Structures are given as C-alpha cells and as structure tokens.
C-alpha cells in the first residue's frame, strides 16, 4: 500500500522551528548544542569539521535566545577529546553523553539515552 503525504507538513510536526525554540527558552528551558547536522560519526571528523558543526549550531541558538549557549549533548554519543576541545573553545561549560559510565569532567556528564528507555519498555 502506498502512502501519500507532504514532507513539509510532516517536518513541521516532527521538528522544532525557531518559534518553538524561543518558546522553550522563554519558559526557562535551557537549550543546548547538539551539532548543526546531527552527524552520527562526530568522533571521526577533524577539529575544523567538528568546530564548524558546533559553531553553526551555537550561532543559530545564540541568535534565537539572545544569549550564549553553554551546554551541549553529543549526537549518538559520538565524541572524543577533539570534540571536548571544540566545545571548550566555544565556551561550553557542560556536555552530556548518552551512557551512564563514570563522569570524568563537566564535558562528560552521564545521561540515560532515550533509546535505551524505549528498548526497555518494548
């Protein structure tokens, strides 16, 4: 069976736009970086490419919220020392990873990945 839908309509329902982000910010939610293109192999990129990913993301969120973004979360849990150096250079103070291993620094704060929760429910 074929399904007919408009991708613009689906995208609007699935992803947040600037208006949604500003609404969250105005209600006191802390917005954080997650890379510009939600890349799944961030740790394989060199410094310049990682910097570009987070710099674009930071400029976008900073402009919406009119303040400096100081937190991040690694997409797909993918990061390395280079990634942490990039975040430091962008004045990020806290970053979260998607596992519960021991915390080593403020740029490696453990969190439970939503996919792990969904896997346990199903």
Protein backbone atom coordinates (compact mmCIF):
# COMPACT_ATOMS: atom_id res chain seq x y z
CA UNK A 1 0.00 0.00 0.00
CA UNK A 2 1.35 3.42 -0.92
CA UNK A 3 1.12 6.36 1.41
CA UNK A 4 0.69 9.91 0.31
CA UNK A 5 1.92 12.74 2.48
CA UNK A 6 3.55 16.14 2.22
CA UNK A 7 7.04 16.12 3.65
CA UNK A 8 6.80 19.80 4.64
CA UNK A 9 3.76 19.05 6.80
CA UNK A 10 5.42 16.05 8.44
CA UNK A 11 8.63 18.01 9.04
CA UNK A 12 6.67 20.82 10.70
CA UNK A 13 5.07 18.31 13.07
CA UNK A 14 8.29 16.45 13.90
CA UNK A 15 10.96 19.14 14.24
CA UNK A 16 11.11 22.34 16.20
CA UNK A 17 11.42 25.64 14.43
CA UNK A 18 12.77 28.96 15.73
CA UNK A 19 9.38 29.84 17.23
CA UNK A 20 9.29 26.55 19.20
CA UNK A 21 12.86 27.05 20.46
CA UNK A 22 12.16 30.61 21.56
CA UNK A 23 9.02 29.49 23.37
CA UNK A 24 11.03 26.85 25.30
CA UNK A 25 13.71 29.41 26.13
CA UNK A 26 11.15 31.98 27.32
CA UNK A 27 9.64 29.35 29.64
CA UNK A 28 13.05 28.84 31.29
CA UNK A 29 14.21 25.72 29.46
CA UNK A 30 17.97 25.58 28.91
CA UNK A 31 18.77 24.95 25.26
CA UNK A 32 21.98 23.19 24.36
CA UNK A 33 24.07 22.38 21.33
CA UNK A 34 23.72 19.07 19.50
CA UNK A 35 25.71 19.82 16.30
CA UNK A 36 24.39 21.52 13.19
CA UNK A 37 23.53 18.44 11.14
CA UNK A 38 23.12 15.81 13.89
CA UNK A 39 26.05 13.87 12.48
CA UNK A 40 26.37 10.27 13.66
CA UNK A 41 30.14 9.87 13.48
CA UNK A 42 31.34 13.09 15.02
CA UNK A 43 34.44 11.48 16.54
CA UNK A 44 35.78 10.68 13.05
CA UNK A 45 35.86 14.33 11.98
CA UNK A 46 38.93 16.54 12.36
CA UNK A 47 38.94 19.64 14.58
CA UNK A 48 37.88 22.06 11.83
CA UNK A 49 34.85 20.00 10.77
CA UNK A 50 33.74 19.41 14.36
CA UNK A 51 34.21 23.10 15.10
CA UNK A 52 32.08 24.01 12.09
CA UNK A 53 29.29 21.65 13.24
CA UNK A 54 29.10 23.16 16.73
CA UNK A 55 29.85 26.76 15.72
CA UNK A 56 26.91 26.84 13.27
CA UNK A 57 24.65 25.26 15.90
CA UNK A 58 25.82 27.71 18.57
CA UNK A 59 25.30 30.78 16.38
CA UNK A 60 21.81 29.58 15.49
CA UNK A 61 20.72 29.02 19.10
CA UNK A 62 22.54 32.09 20.47
CA UNK A 63 20.75 34.30 17.94
CA UNK A 64 17.34 32.87 18.85
CA UNK A 65 17.87 33.15 22.62
CA UNK A 66 19.96 36.32 22.54
CA UNK A 67 22.49 34.76 24.93
CA UNK A 68 25.49 32.47 24.86
CA UNK A 69 24.73 28.73 24.86
CA UNK A 70 26.84 26.92 27.47
CA UNK A 71 25.60 23.32 27.30
CA UNK A 72 25.67 20.51 24.76
CA UNK A 73 24.81 16.88 24.20
CA UNK A 74 26.74 14.61 21.85
CA UNK A 75 24.68 13.30 18.92
CA UNK A 76 24.55 9.49 19.02
CA UNK A 77 27.01 9.61 21.93
CA UNK A 78 29.77 10.23 19.39
CA UNK A 79 32.62 12.39 20.69
CA UNK A 80 36.32 12.36 21.53
CA UNK A 81 38.94 14.67 23.06
CA UNK A 82 38.83 16.81 19.93
CA UNK A 83 35.10 17.32 20.41
CA UNK A 84 35.63 18.40 24.01
CA UNK A 85 38.36 20.84 22.90
CA UNK A 86 35.97 22.29 20.31
CA UNK A 87 33.30 22.78 22.98
CA UNK A 88 35.81 24.40 25.34
CA UNK A 89 36.83 26.82 22.58
CA UNK A 90 33.15 27.75 22.21
CA UNK A 91 32.84 28.37 25.98
CA UNK A 92 30.57 25.38 26.56
CA UNK A 93 30.65 24.54 30.28
CA UNK A 94 28.52 21.33 30.43
CA UNK A 95 28.06 18.50 28.00
CA UNK A 96 26.12 15.26 28.27
CA UNK A 97 26.86 11.86 26.79
CA UNK A 98 24.43 9.01 26.18
CA UNK A 99 25.68 6.48 28.68
CA UNK A 100 25.85 6.14 32.44
CA UNK A 101 29.58 5.48 32.76
CA UNK A 102 31.58 7.34 35.39
CA UNK A 103 31.73 11.11 34.99
CA UNK A 104 35.23 12.29 34.08
CA UNK A 105 34.63 16.01 33.54
CA UNK A 106 31.87 18.59 33.12
CA UNK A 107 32.03 17.81 29.40
CA UNK A 108 31.23 14.11 30.00
CA UNK A 109 28.19 14.13 32.23
CA UNK A 110 26.31 10.80 32.02
CA UNK A 111 22.67 10.68 30.96
CA UNK A 112 20.27 7.92 30.03
CA UNK A 113 19.74 7.73 26.29
CA UNK A 114 16.05 7.85 25.37
CA UNK A 115 16.52 4.89 23.01
CA UNK A 116 17.62 2.71 25.95
CA UNK A 117 14.43 3.63 27.80
CA UNK A 118 12.30 2.80 24.77
CA UNK A 119 14.06 -0.54 24.34
CA UNK A 120 13.21 -1.49 27.93
CA UNK A 121 9.57 -0.51 27.51
CA UNK A 122 9.08 -2.51 24.31
